[in-house]
């Protein structure tokens, strides 16, 4: 019995230790969430998600085993001159790495009270977002000029009713000597990556004053943009400078239209995020009744009105016969 209790105690202690350790790791990971902005070939800005709202001190080194007391801590800087500015780490790679090709740097951070809150956090500088990447994100939907306000209208006969169906379309404002290609794909549950890409584009369009959030969204958008860009065999040639919505589309469906403009061996690629238009209009008369040919019901003897009339006629005939018989009998007397 004593051995059993001892084993149970050991198992419980082990489980509790693993839980506390895993919880500590998760908390540390959340504390260390970063976004790295590479401003130039040599200059970097690092944002710590859960720290950038407060001032702090930081130290840098290329050696993770650096003794903390030997480090030189400096104050965080503001990323811009506004009230909503964030506290960031700014440094020049050459000041710490010299001519070395190492792309990792280690960071120590103390809060304003001097407590070490991050120790030797390894930062991969190749995981940065650059101004060129941000420019690509910002210019997406603007690189190829199109008109999305025009609509395509057709007339169909549906169940005997003349119906006009209007759907949206993309009209490309073509440049001379350019050829255009496209890929149209629905952003829905069947295409989760495209759905995520579309929703992210909507979020970015709304804008945010938080630089950390803005950079994080741009980095994610850039990654999805490159993942989802059509392969060479997926491009279709644009006919008559326009791209129609699929016939199966319905109002409110979301689509991503990839466009490629080719001219003299140079390609420009863009993406448009469209919400479909689908209008279904049967033609109406002035009294708002649908135009259709009235069909008369066939006459049958099961009609209750006819049966009532028939009974009335029979009763009338019988009454006349009885009345006539009584009159004849009286005349004989």
C-alpha atoms as a PDB file:
ATOM      1  CA  UNK A   1       0.000   0.000   0.000  1.00  0.00           C
ATOM      2  CA  UNK A   2       2.875   2.352   0.892  1.00  0.00           C
ATOM      3  CA  UNK A   3       4.575   1.640  -2.460  1.00  0.00           C
ATOM      4  CA  UNK A   4       1.336   2.347  -4.297  1.00  0.00           C
ATOM      5  CA  UNK A   5       0.895   5.716  -2.570  1.00  0.00           C
ATOM      6  CA  UNK A   6       4.530   6.595  -3.257  1.00  0.00           C
ATOM      7  CA  UNK A   7       4.111   5.802  -6.987  1.00  0.00           C
ATOM      8  CA  UNK A   8       0.921   7.868  -7.202  1.00  0.00           C
ATOM      9  CA  UNK A   9       2.677  10.791  -5.509  1.00  0.00           C
ATOM     10  CA  UNK A  10       5.581  10.582  -7.961  1.00  0.00           C
ATOM     11  CA  UNK A  11       3.218  10.450 -10.972  1.00  0.00           C
ATOM     12  CA  UNK A  12       1.234  13.439  -9.692  1.00  0.00           C
ATOM     13  CA  UNK A  13       4.413  15.427  -9.090  1.00  0.00           C
ATOM     14  CA  UNK A  14       5.681  14.635 -12.584  1.00  0.00           C
ATOM     15  CA  UNK A  15       2.400  15.634 -14.244  1.00  0.00           C
ATOM     16  CA  UNK A  16       2.235  18.856 -12.233  1.00  0.00           C
ATOM     17  CA  UNK A  17       5.852  19.689 -13.132  1.00  0.00           C
ATOM     18  CA  UNK A  18       5.206  19.090 -16.836  1.00  0.00           C
ATOM     19  CA  UNK A  19       2.070  21.231 -16.706  1.00  0.00           C
ATOM     20  CA  UNK A  20       3.830  24.115 -15.001  1.00  0.00           C
ATOM     21  CA  UNK A  21       6.749  23.897 -17.399  1.00  0.00           C
ATOM     22  CA  UNK A  22       4.527  23.798 -20.499  1.00  0.00           C
ATOM     23  CA  UNK A  23       2.497  26.720 -19.140  1.00  0.00           C
ATOM     24  CA  UNK A  24       5.717  28.670 -18.580  1.00  0.00           C
ATOM     25  CA  UNK A  25       6.809  27.985 -22.162  1.00  0.00           C
ATOM     26  CA  UNK A  26       3.477  29.228 -23.545  1.00  0.00           C
ATOM     27  CA  UNK A  27       3.666  32.359 -21.411  1.00  0.00           C
ATOM     28  CA  UNK A  28       7.239  32.965 -22.554  1.00  0.00           C
ATOM     29  CA  UNK A  29       6.288  32.514 -26.195  1.00  0.00           C
ATOM     30  CA  UNK A  30       3.469  35.039 -25.808  1.00  0.00           C
ATOM     31  CA  UNK A  31       5.852  37.467 -24.115  1.00  0.00           C
ATOM     32  CA  UNK A  32       8.352  37.123 -26.972  1.00  0.00           C
ATOM     33  CA  UNK A  33       6.021  37.637 -29.960  1.00  0.00           C
ATOM     34  CA  UNK A  34       7.824  39.999 -32.315  1.00  0.00           C
ATOM     35  CA  UNK A  35       7.701  41.621 -35.715  1.00  0.00           C
ATOM     36  CA  UNK A  36      10.950  42.758 -37.324  1.00  0.00           C
ATOM     37  CA  UNK A  37      11.039  45.659 -39.773  1.00  0.00           C
ATOM     38  CA  UNK A  38      14.136  45.979 -41.939  1.00  0.00           C
ATOM     39  CA  UNK A  39      14.413  49.640 -42.887  1.00  0.00           C
ATOM     40  CA  UNK A  40      17.680  49.449 -44.853  1.00  0.00           C
ATOM     41  CA  UNK A  41      20.363  46.876 -45.570  1.00  0.00           C
ATOM     42  CA  UNK A  42      21.818  47.641 -42.134  1.00  0.00           C
ATOM     43  CA  UNK A  43      18.996  49.111 -40.011  1.00  0.00           C
ATOM     44  CA  UNK A  44      16.358  47.119 -38.112  1.00  0.00           C
ATOM     45  CA  UNK A  45      13.414  47.901 -35.838  1.00  0.00           C
ATOM     46  CA  UNK A  46      12.026  45.201 -33.531  1.00  0.00           C
ATOM     47  CA  UNK A  47       8.556  45.340 -31.997  1.00  0.00           C
ATOM     48  CA  UNK A  48       7.677  43.155 -28.998  1.00  0.00           C
ATOM     49  CA  UNK A  49       3.907  42.714 -28.982  1.00  0.00           C
ATOM     50  CA  UNK A  50       3.347  42.622 -25.216  1.00  0.00           C
ATOM     51  CA  UNK A  51       6.047  45.126 -24.304  1.00  0.00           C
ATOM     52  CA  UNK A  52       5.886  47.893 -26.903  1.00  0.00           C
ATOM     53  CA  UNK A  53       3.173  49.837 -25.042  1.00  0.00           C
ATOM     54  CA  UNK A  54       5.601  50.599 -22.185  1.00  0.00           C
ATOM     55  CA  UNK A  55       9.112  51.967 -22.033  1.00  0.00           C
ATOM     56  CA  UNK A  56      11.924  49.516 -21.369  1.00  0.00           C
ATOM     57  CA  UNK A  57      15.674  49.020 -21.655  1.00  0.00           C
ATOM     58  CA  UNK A  58      17.410  46.551 -23.919  1.00  0.00           C
ATOM     59  CA  UNK A  59      20.823  45.101 -24.681  1.00  0.00           C
ATOM     60  CA  UNK A  60      22.033  43.211 -27.768  1.00  0.00           C
ATOM     61  CA  UNK A  61      24.702  40.627 -28.410  1.00  0.00           C
ATOM     62  CA  UNK A  62      25.619  37.932 -30.915  1.00  0.00           C
ATOM     63  CA  UNK A  63      26.557  35.674 -27.997  1.00  0.00           C
ATOM     64  CA  UNK A  64      23.703  33.963 -26.143  1.00  0.00           C
ATOM     65  CA  UNK A  65      26.024  33.137 -23.210  1.00  0.00           C
ATOM     66  CA  UNK A  66      26.812  36.783 -22.529  1.00  0.00           C
ATOM     67  CA  UNK A  67      26.937  37.659 -18.841  1.00  0.00           C
ATOM     68  CA  UNK A  68      24.066  40.063 -18.185  1.00  0.00           C
ATOM     69  CA  UNK A  69      26.146  42.291 -15.898  1.00  0.00           C
ATOM     70  CA  UNK A  70      28.602  42.883 -18.752  1.00  0.00           C
ATOM     71  CA  UNK A  71      25.892  44.096 -21.139  1.00  0.00           C
ATOM     72  CA  UNK A  72      25.147  47.741 -21.857  1.00  0.00           C
ATOM     73  CA  UNK A  73      21.438  48.498 -21.612  1.00  0.00           C
ATOM     74  CA  UNK A  74      19.938  51.450 -23.485  1.00  0.00           C
ATOM     75  CA  UNK A  75      16.470  52.980 -23.503  1.00  0.00           C
ATOM     76  CA  UNK A  76      13.805  51.943 -25.992  1.00  0.00           C
ATOM     77  CA  UNK A  77      12.880  54.479 -28.676  1.00  0.00           C
ATOM     78  CA  UNK A  78       9.550  55.606 -30.137  1.00  0.00           C
ATOM     79  CA  UNK A  79       8.703  54.361 -33.608  1.00  0.00           C
ATOM     80  CA  UNK A  80       7.036  57.672 -34.560  1.00  0.00           C
ATOM     81  CA  UNK A  81       6.218  61.137 -33.233  1.00  0.00           C
ATOM     82  CA  UNK A  82       2.575  60.615 -32.285  1.00  0.00           C
ATOM     83  CA  UNK A  83       0.586  59.876 -29.138  1.00  0.00           C
ATOM     84  CA  UNK A  84       0.074  56.288 -30.291  1.00  0.00           C
ATOM     85  CA  UNK A  85       3.794  55.680 -30.845  1.00  0.00           C
ATOM     86  CA  UNK A  86       5.162  52.309 -29.725  1.00  0.00           C
ATOM     87  CA  UNK A  87       8.388  51.568 -27.865  1.00  0.00           C
ATOM     88  CA  UNK A  88      10.809  49.620 -30.032  1.00  0.00           C
ATOM     89  CA  UNK A  89      14.360  48.380 -30.385  1.00  0.00           C
ATOM     90  CA  UNK A  90      16.401  50.108 -33.065  1.00  0.00           C
ATOM     91  CA  UNK A  91      19.882  49.000 -34.083  1.00  0.00           C
ATOM     92  CA  UNK A  92      22.359  48.724 -36.917  1.00  0.00           C
ATOM     93  CA  UNK A  93      23.413  45.196 -37.758  1.00  0.00           C
ATOM     94  CA  UNK A  94      26.970  46.285 -38.526  1.00  0.00           C
ATOM     95  CA  UNK A  95      27.416  47.648 -34.995  1.00  0.00           C
ATOM     96  CA  UNK A  96      27.073  44.165 -33.497  1.00  0.00           C
ATOM     97  CA  UNK A  97      28.097  41.795 -36.268  1.00  0.00           C
ATOM     98  CA  UNK A  98      30.729  43.715 -38.183  1.00  0.00           C
ATOM     99  CA  UNK A  99      31.531  41.867 -41.400  1.00  0.00           C
ATOM    100  CA  UNK A 100      30.134  38.568 -40.130  1.00  0.00           C
ATOM    101  CA  UNK A 101      27.315  36.967 -42.106  1.00  0.00           C
ATOM    102  CA  UNK A 102      25.544  35.775 -38.982  1.00  0.00           C
ATOM    103  CA  UNK A 103      21.813  36.589 -39.107  1.00  0.00           C
ATOM    104  CA  UNK A 104      20.962  35.919 -35.476  1.00  0.00           C
ATOM    105  CA  UNK A 105      21.079  38.352 -32.588  1.00  0.00           C
ATOM    106  CA  UNK A 106      20.181  37.909 -28.895  1.00  0.00           C
ATOM    107  CA  UNK A 107      18.177  40.411 -26.881  1.00  0.00           C
ATOM    108  CA  UNK A 108      17.868  41.114 -23.164  1.00  0.00           C
ATOM    109  CA  UNK A 109      15.062  43.399 -21.915  1.00  0.00           C
ATOM    110  CA  UNK A 110      14.465  45.046 -18.545  1.00  0.00           C
ATOM    111  CA  UNK A 111      11.302  46.855 -17.495  1.00  0.00           C
ATOM    112  CA  UNK A 112      11.403  50.419 -16.158  1.00  0.00           C
ATOM    113  CA  UNK A 113      11.973  49.063 -12.622  1.00  0.00           C
ATOM    114  CA  UNK A 114      15.089  47.195 -13.713  1.00  0.00           C
ATOM    115  CA  UNK A 115      13.624  43.693 -13.684  1.00  0.00           C
ATOM    116  CA  UNK A 116      14.850  41.382 -16.437  1.00  0.00           C
ATOM    117  CA  UNK A 117      11.767  40.230 -18.338  1.00  0.00           C
ATOM    118  CA  UNK A 118      13.441  38.760 -21.431  1.00  0.00           C
ATOM    119  CA  UNK A 119      16.791  37.049 -21.462  1.00  0.00           C
ATOM    120  CA  UNK A 120      18.870  36.083 -24.528  1.00  0.00           C
ATOM    121  CA  UNK A 121      15.876  36.001 -26.888  1.00  0.00           C
ATOM    122  CA  UNK A 122      17.103  34.687 -30.248  1.00  0.00           C
ATOM    123  CA  UNK A 123      16.039  36.862 -33.188  1.00  0.00           C
ATOM    124  CA  UNK A 124      16.321  35.692 -36.799  1.00  0.00           C
ATOM    125  CA  UNK A 125      16.879  38.798 -38.919  1.00  0.00           C
ATOM    126  CA  UNK A 126      16.009  36.920 -42.120  1.00  0.00           C
ATOM    127  CA  UNK A 127      12.440  36.751 -40.783  1.00  0.00           C
ATOM    128  CA  UNK A 128      11.981  40.498 -41.328  1.00  0.00           C
ATOM    129  CA  UNK A 129       9.436  42.419 -43.334  1.00  0.00           C
ATOM    130  CA  UNK A 130      10.883  45.044 -45.646  1.00  0.00           C
ATOM    131  CA  UNK A 131       9.580  48.298 -47.082  1.00  0.00           C
ATOM    132  CA  UNK A 132       9.478  46.593 -50.517  1.00  0.00           C
ATOM    133  CA  UNK A 133       7.181  43.894 -49.151  1.00  0.00           C
ATOM    134  CA  UNK A 134       4.927  46.515 -47.565  1.00  0.00           C
ATOM    135  CA  UNK A 135       4.814  48.415 -50.866  1.00  0.00           C
ATOM    136  CA  UNK A 136       3.649  45.267 -52.680  1.00  0.00           C
ATOM    137  CA  UNK A 137       0.860  44.791 -50.127  1.00  0.00           C
ATOM    138  CA  UNK A 138      -0.217  48.448 -50.299  1.00  0.00           C
ATOM    139  CA  UNK A 139      -0.267  48.502 -54.113  1.00  0.00           C
ATOM    140  CA  UNK A 140      -2.211  45.250 -54.522  1.00  0.00           C
ATOM    141  CA  UNK A 141      -5.519  45.896 -56.373  1.00  0.00           C
ATOM    142  CA  UNK A 142      -3.932  49.045 -57.911  1.00  0.00           C
ATOM    143  CA  UNK A 143      -1.268  47.697 -60.287  1.00  0.00           C
ATOM    144  CA  UNK A 144      -3.640  46.810 -63.152  1.00  0.00           C
ATOM    145  CA  UNK A 145      -6.424  49.289 -63.927  1.00  0.00           C
ATOM    146  CA  UNK A 146      -9.920  47.803 -64.114  1.00  0.00           C
ATOM    147  CA  UNK A 147     -13.558  48.880 -63.947  1.00  0.00           C
ATOM    148  CA  UNK A 148     -15.738  46.778 -61.622  1.00  0.00           C
ATOM    149  CA  UNK A 149     -18.848  48.993 -61.799  1.00  0.00           C
ATOM    150  CA  UNK A 150     -20.151  47.617 -65.088  1.00  0.00           C
ATOM    151  CA  UNK A 151     -22.684  44.799 -65.249  1.00  0.00           C
ATOM    152  CA  UNK A 152     -23.697  42.135 -67.734  1.00  0.00           C
ATOM    153  CA  UNK A 153     -27.443  41.618 -68.361  1.00  0.00           C
ATOM    154  CA  UNK A 154     -29.071  38.626 -70.039  1.00  0.00           C
ATOM    155  CA  UNK A 155     -32.706  37.613 -70.553  1.00  0.00           C
ATOM    156  CA  UNK A 156     -33.949  34.103 -69.877  1.00  0.00           C
ATOM    157  CA  UNK A 157     -37.303  32.343 -69.891  1.00  0.00           C
ATOM    158  CA  UNK A 158     -37.750  30.770 -66.468  1.00  0.00           C
ATOM    159  CA  UNK A 159     -40.936  28.746 -65.899  1.00  0.00           C
ATOM    160  CA  UNK A 160     -42.685  30.667 -68.647  1.00  0.00           C
ATOM    161  CA  UNK A 161     -41.701  34.036 -67.198  1.00  0.00           C
ATOM    162  CA  UNK A 162     -39.392  36.396 -69.070  1.00  0.00           C
ATOM    163  CA  UNK A 163     -36.616  37.185 -66.574  1.00  0.00           C
ATOM    164  CA  UNK A 164     -33.634  39.509 -66.732  1.00  0.00           C
ATOM    165  CA  UNK A 165     -30.489  38.388 -64.900  1.00  0.00           C
ATOM    166  CA  UNK A 166     -27.776  40.920 -64.086  1.00  0.00           C
ATOM    167  CA  UNK A 167     -24.295  39.948 -62.882  1.00  0.00           C
ATOM    168  CA  UNK A 168     -21.132  41.916 -62.255  1.00  0.00           C
ATOM    169  CA  UNK A 169     -18.012  41.794 -64.389  1.00  0.00           C
ATOM    170  CA  UNK A 170     -14.441  43.025 -64.468  1.00  0.00           C
ATOM    171  CA  UNK A 171     -13.533  45.222 -67.432  1.00  0.00           C
ATOM    172  CA  UNK A 172      -9.802  45.683 -67.981  1.00  0.00           C
ATOM    173  CA  UNK A 173      -8.608  49.083 -69.151  1.00  0.00           C
ATOM    174  CA  UNK A 174      -6.029  47.649 -71.525  1.00  0.00           C
ATOM    175  CA  UNK A 175      -2.707  49.182 -72.459  1.00  0.00           C
ATOM    176  CA  UNK A 176      -1.488  49.020 -76.046  1.00  0.00           C
ATOM    177  CA  UNK A 177       0.520  45.900 -76.953  1.00  0.00           C
ATOM    178  CA  UNK A 178      -0.282  44.232 -73.631  1.00  0.00           C
ATOM    179  CA  UNK A 179      -1.844  40.801 -73.259  1.00  0.00           C
ATOM    180  CA  UNK A 180      -3.944  39.937 -70.240  1.00  0.00           C
ATOM    181  CA  UNK A 181      -4.537  36.710 -68.344  1.00  0.00           C
ATOM    182  CA  UNK A 182      -6.621  35.830 -65.295  1.00  0.00           C
ATOM    183  CA  UNK A 183      -7.565  33.242 -62.722  1.00  0.00           C
ATOM    184  CA  UNK A 184     -10.914  33.485 -60.925  1.00  0.00           C
ATOM    185  CA  UNK A 185     -11.403  31.574 -57.679  1.00  0.00           C
ATOM    186  CA  UNK A 186     -14.107  31.640 -55.040  1.00  0.00           C
ATOM    187  CA  UNK A 187     -13.132  32.591 -51.486  1.00  0.00           C
ATOM    188  CA  UNK A 188     -15.263  30.191 -49.444  1.00  0.00           C
ATOM    189  CA  UNK A 189     -15.089  27.192 -47.132  1.00  0.00           C
ATOM    190  CA  UNK A 190     -13.963  24.955 -49.996  1.00  0.00           C
ATOM    191  CA  UNK A 191     -10.943  27.224 -50.505  1.00  0.00           C
ATOM    192  CA  UNK A 192      -9.886  28.100 -46.922  1.00  0.00           C
ATOM    193  CA  UNK A 193      -6.588  29.774 -47.886  1.00  0.00           C
ATOM    194  CA  UNK A 194      -8.359  32.052 -50.369  1.00  0.00           C
ATOM    195  CA  UNK A 195     -11.049  32.776 -47.771  1.00  0.00           C
ATOM    196  CA  UNK A 196      -8.356  33.748 -45.263  1.00  0.00           C
ATOM    197  CA  UNK A 197      -6.635  35.899 -47.902  1.00  0.00           C
ATOM    198  CA  UNK A 198      -9.894  37.724 -48.747  1.00  0.00           C
ATOM    199  CA  UNK A 199     -10.755  38.358 -45.097  1.00  0.00           C
ATOM    200  CA  UNK A 200      -7.234  39.663 -44.450  1.00  0.00           C
ATOM    201  CA  UNK A 201      -7.573  42.059 -47.398  1.00  0.00           C
ATOM    202  CA  UNK A 202     -10.836  43.364 -45.886  1.00  0.00           C
ATOM    203  CA  UNK A 203      -9.131  43.831 -42.502  1.00  0.00           C
ATOM    204  CA  UNK A 204      -6.200  45.722 -44.036  1.00  0.00           C
ATOM    205  CA  UNK A 205      -8.596  47.936 -45.985  1.00  0.00           C
ATOM    206  CA  UNK A 206     -10.237  49.040 -42.720  1.00  0.00           C
ATOM    207  CA  UNK A 207      -6.849  50.195 -41.442  1.00  0.00           C
ATOM    208  CA  UNK A 208      -5.345  50.357 -37.950  1.00  0.00           C
ATOM    209  CA  UNK A 209      -3.362  52.896 -35.936  1.00  0.00           C
ATOM    210  CA  UNK A 210      -1.333  50.132 -34.296  1.00  0.00           C
ATOM    211  CA  UNK A 211       1.947  49.717 -36.174  1.00  0.00           C
ATOM    212  CA  UNK A 212       2.575  46.258 -34.734  1.00  0.00           C
ATOM    213  CA  UNK A 213      -0.806  45.027 -35.995  1.00  0.00           C
ATOM    214  CA  UNK A 214      -0.317  46.716 -39.365  1.00  0.00           C
ATOM    215  CA  UNK A 215       3.102  45.130 -39.925  1.00  0.00           C
ATOM    216  CA  UNK A 216       1.843  41.721 -38.800  1.00  0.00           C
ATOM    217  CA  UNK A 217      -1.082  41.892 -41.237  1.00  0.00           C
ATOM    218  CA  UNK A 218       1.160  42.996 -44.095  1.00  0.00           C
ATOM    219  CA  UNK A 219       3.625  40.191 -43.461  1.00  0.00           C
ATOM    220  CA  UNK A 220       0.844  37.594 -43.404  1.00  0.00           C
ATOM    221  CA  UNK A 221      -0.728  39.080 -46.559  1.00  0.00           C
ATOM    222  CA  UNK A 222       2.620  38.984 -48.373  1.00  0.00           C
ATOM    223  CA  UNK A 223       3.075  35.324 -47.471  1.00  0.00           C
ATOM    224  CA  UNK A 224      -0.428  34.337 -48.655  1.00  0.00           C
ATOM    225  CA  UNK A 225      -0.018  36.426 -51.814  1.00  0.00           C
ATOM    226  CA  UNK A 226       3.025  34.415 -52.831  1.00  0.00           C
ATOM    227  CA  UNK A 227       1.522  31.084 -51.774  1.00  0.00           C
ATOM    228  CA  UNK A 228      -1.695  31.577 -53.756  1.00  0.00           C
ATOM    229  CA  UNK A 229      -0.323  33.276 -56.877  1.00  0.00           C
ATOM    230  CA  UNK A 230      -1.408  31.186 -59.891  1.00  0.00           C
ATOM    231  CA  UNK A 231       1.035  28.790 -61.495  1.00  0.00           C
ATOM    232  CA  UNK A 232       1.901  29.325 -65.140  1.00  0.00           C
ATOM    233  CA  UNK A 233      -0.527  26.657 -66.391  1.00  0.00           C
ATOM    234  CA  UNK A 234      -3.443  28.145 -64.409  1.00  0.00           C
ATOM    235  CA  UNK A 235      -3.629  31.455 -66.279  1.00  0.00           C
ATOM    236  CA  UNK A 236      -6.475  31.917 -68.806  1.00  0.00           C
ATOM    237  CA  UNK A 237      -6.465  34.514 -71.551  1.00  0.00           C
ATOM    238  CA  UNK A 238      -8.849  37.454 -71.089  1.00  0.00           C
ATOM    239  CA  UNK A 239     -11.345  37.714 -73.965  1.00  0.00           C
ATOM    240  CA  UNK A 240     -12.924  41.023 -75.049  1.00  0.00           C
ATOM    241  CA  UNK A 241     -11.221  42.835 -72.150  1.00  0.00           C
ATOM    242  CA  UNK A 242     -13.738  41.477 -69.636  1.00  0.00           C
ATOM    243  CA  UNK A 243     -14.136  38.743 -67.060  1.00  0.00           C
ATOM    244  CA  UNK A 244     -17.686  37.647 -66.223  1.00  0.00           C
ATOM    245  CA  UNK A 245     -18.865  36.167 -62.964  1.00  0.00           C
ATOM    246  CA  UNK A 246     -19.559  32.418 -63.100  1.00  0.00           C
ATOM    247  CA  UNK A 247     -23.142  31.506 -63.989  1.00  0.00           C
ATOM    248  CA  UNK A 248     -23.507  29.696 -60.667  1.00  0.00           C
ATOM    249  CA  UNK A 249     -22.659  32.788 -58.619  1.00  0.00           C
ATOM    250  CA  UNK A 250     -25.134  34.378 -56.244  1.00  0.00           C
ATOM    251  CA  UNK A 251     -25.352  37.821 -54.702  1.00  0.00           C
ATOM    252  CA  UNK A 252     -22.700  38.307 -52.039  1.00  0.00           C
ATOM    253  CA  UNK A 253     -20.359  35.513 -53.122  1.00  0.00           C
ATOM    254  CA  UNK A 254     -16.713  36.488 -52.740  1.00  0.00           C
ATOM    255  CA  UNK A 255     -14.100  35.974 -55.436  1.00  0.00           C
ATOM    256  CA  UNK A 256     -10.399  36.650 -55.909  1.00  0.00           C
ATOM    257  CA  UNK A 257      -9.497  37.653 -59.454  1.00  0.00           C
ATOM    258  CA  UNK A 258      -5.820  37.241 -60.244  1.00  0.00           C
ATOM    259  CA  UNK A 259      -4.654  39.335 -63.209  1.00  0.00           C
ATOM    260  CA  UNK A 260      -1.466  39.261 -65.238  1.00  0.00           C
ATOM    261  CA  UNK A 261      -0.421  41.870 -67.786  1.00  0.00           C
ATOM    262  CA  UNK A 262       2.339  40.779 -70.171  1.00  0.00           C
ATOM    263  CA  UNK A 263       4.190  43.282 -72.329  1.00  0.00           C
ATOM    264  CA  UNK A 264       7.567  42.841 -74.018  1.00  0.00           C
ATOM    265  CA  UNK A 265       8.623  39.995 -71.735  1.00  0.00           C
ATOM    266  CA  UNK A 266       7.662  41.834 -68.531  1.00  0.00           C
ATOM    267  CA  UNK A 267       4.800  40.701 -66.320  1.00  0.00           C
ATOM    268  CA  UNK A 268       2.697  42.704 -63.869  1.00  0.00           C
ATOM    269  CA  UNK A 269       0.599  40.638 -61.473  1.00  0.00           C
ATOM    270  CA  UNK A 270      -2.279  41.939 -59.379  1.00  0.00           C
ATOM    271  CA  UNK A 271      -5.188  40.607 -57.331  1.00  0.00           C
ATOM    272  CA  UNK A 272      -8.714  41.990 -57.040  1.00  0.00           C
ATOM    273  CA  UNK A 273     -11.132  41.155 -54.229  1.00  0.00           C
ATOM    274  CA  UNK A 274     -14.712  41.192 -55.484  1.00  0.00           C
ATOM    275  CA  UNK A 275     -18.140  40.651 -53.950  1.00  0.00           C
ATOM    276  CA  UNK A 276     -20.467  39.360 -56.639  1.00  0.00           C
ATOM    277  CA  UNK A 277     -23.648  41.035 -57.876  1.00  0.00           C
ATOM    278  CA  UNK A 278     -26.588  38.860 -58.924  1.00  0.00           C
ATOM    279  CA  UNK A 279     -29.964  40.430 -59.700  1.00  0.00           C
ATOM    280  CA  UNK A 280     -32.939  38.264 -60.688  1.00  0.00           C
ATOM    281  CA  UNK A 281     -35.893  40.269 -62.059  1.00  0.00           C
ATOM    282  CA  UNK A 282     -39.060  38.735 -63.564  1.00  0.00           C
ATOM    283  CA  UNK A 283     -40.923  41.217 -65.807  1.00  0.00           C
ATOM    284  CA  UNK A 284     -44.103  42.629 -64.215  1.00  0.00           C
ATOM    285  CA  UNK A 285     -47.305  44.297 -65.464  1.00  0.00           C
ATOM    286  CA  UNK A 286     -48.365  47.657 -64.026  1.00  0.00           C
ATOM    287  CA  UNK A 287     -50.530  45.931 -61.397  1.00  0.00           C
ATOM    288  CA  UNK A 288     -47.408  44.046 -60.246  1.00  0.00           C
ATOM    289  CA  UNK A 289     -48.665  40.692 -61.466  1.00  0.00           C
ATOM    290  CA  UNK A 290     -46.224  38.425 -63.266  1.00  0.00           C
ATOM    291  CA  UNK A 291     -47.003  38.245 -66.984  1.00  0.00           C
ATOM    292  CA  UNK A 292     -48.354  34.804 -67.756  1.00  0.00           C
ATOM    293  CA  UNK A 293     -51.162  33.222 -69.786  1.00  0.00           C
ATOM    294  CA  UNK A 294     -54.177  32.344 -67.607  1.00  0.00           C
ATOM    295  CA  UNK A 295     -55.183  28.692 -67.813  1.00  0.00           C
ATOM    296  CA  UNK A 296     -58.885  27.843 -67.340  1.00  0.00           C
ATOM    297  CA  UNK A 297     -59.723  24.925 -65.132  1.00  0.00           C
ATOM    298  CA  UNK A 298     -61.515  22.077 -66.935  1.00  0.00           C
ATOM    299  CA  UNK A 299     -65.260  21.721 -66.222  1.00  0.00           C
ATOM    300  CA  UNK A 300     -66.095  18.631 -64.196  1.00  0.00           C
ATOM    301  CA  UNK A 301     -69.232  17.460 -62.511  1.00  0.00           C
ATOM    302  CA  UNK A 302     -67.479  17.309 -59.223  1.00  0.00           C
ATOM    303  CA  UNK A 303     -67.947  21.063 -58.997  1.00  0.00           C
ATOM    304  CA  UNK A 304     -70.113  21.765 -55.852  1.00  0.00           C
ATOM    305  CA  UNK A 305     -71.844  24.786 -57.437  1.00  0.00           C
ATOM    306  CA  UNK A 306     -73.066  22.705 -60.368  1.00  0.00           C
ATOM    307  CA  UNK A 307     -74.397  20.037 -58.027  1.00  0.00           C
ATOM    308  CA  UNK A 308     -76.378  22.644 -56.034  1.00  0.00           C
ATOM    309  CA  UNK A 309     -77.852  24.117 -59.226  1.00  0.00           C
ATOM    310  CA  UNK A 310     -78.741  20.617 -60.428  1.00  0.00           C
ATOM    311  CA  UNK A 311     -80.547  19.840 -57.149  1.00  0.00           C
ATOM    312  CA  UNK A 312     -82.462  23.162 -57.284  1.00  0.00           C
ATOM    313  CA  UNK A 313     -83.590  22.436 -60.873  1.00  0.00           C
ATOM    314  CA  UNK A 314     -84.731  18.914 -59.939  1.00  0.00           C
ATOM    315  CA  UNK A 315     -86.638  20.211 -56.897  1.00  0.00           C
ATOM    316  CA  UNK A 316     -88.275  22.890 -59.060  1.00  0.00           C
ATOM    317  CA  UNK A 317     -89.352  20.333 -61.668  1.00  0.00           C
ATOM    318  CA  UNK A 318     -90.774  18.015 -58.993  1.00  0.00           C
ATOM    319  CA  UNK A 319     -92.607  20.948 -57.396  1.00  0.00           C
ATOM    320  CA  UNK A 320     -94.135  21.904 -60.761  1.00  0.00           C
ATOM    321  CA  UNK A 321     -95.253  18.309 -61.358  1.00  0.00           C
ATOM    322  CA  UNK A 322     -96.905  18.085 -57.907  1.00  0.00           C
ATOM    323  CA  UNK A 323     -98.553  21.482 -58.369  1.00  0.00           C
ATOM    324  CA  UNK A 324     -99.842  20.515 -61.801  1.00  0.00           C
ATOM    325  CA  UNK A 325    -101.238  17.222 -60.438  1.00  0.00           C
ATOM    326  CA  UNK A 326    -103.133  19.034 -57.662  1.00  0.00           C
ATOM    327  CA  UNK A 327    -104.580  21.509 -60.143  1.00  0.00           C
ATOM    328  CA  UNK A 328    -105.785  18.723 -62.462  1.00  0.00           C
ATOM    329  CA  UNK A 329    -107.437  16.897 -59.551  1.00  0.00           C
ATOM    330  CA  UNK A 330    -109.341  19.989 -58.445  1.00  0.00           C
ATOM    331  CA  UNK A 331    -110.639  20.661 -61.952  1.00  0.00           C
ATOM    332  CA  UNK A 332    -112.084  17.122 -62.125  1.00  0.00           C
ATOM    333  CA  UNK A 333    -114.099  17.745 -58.988  1.00  0.00           C
END
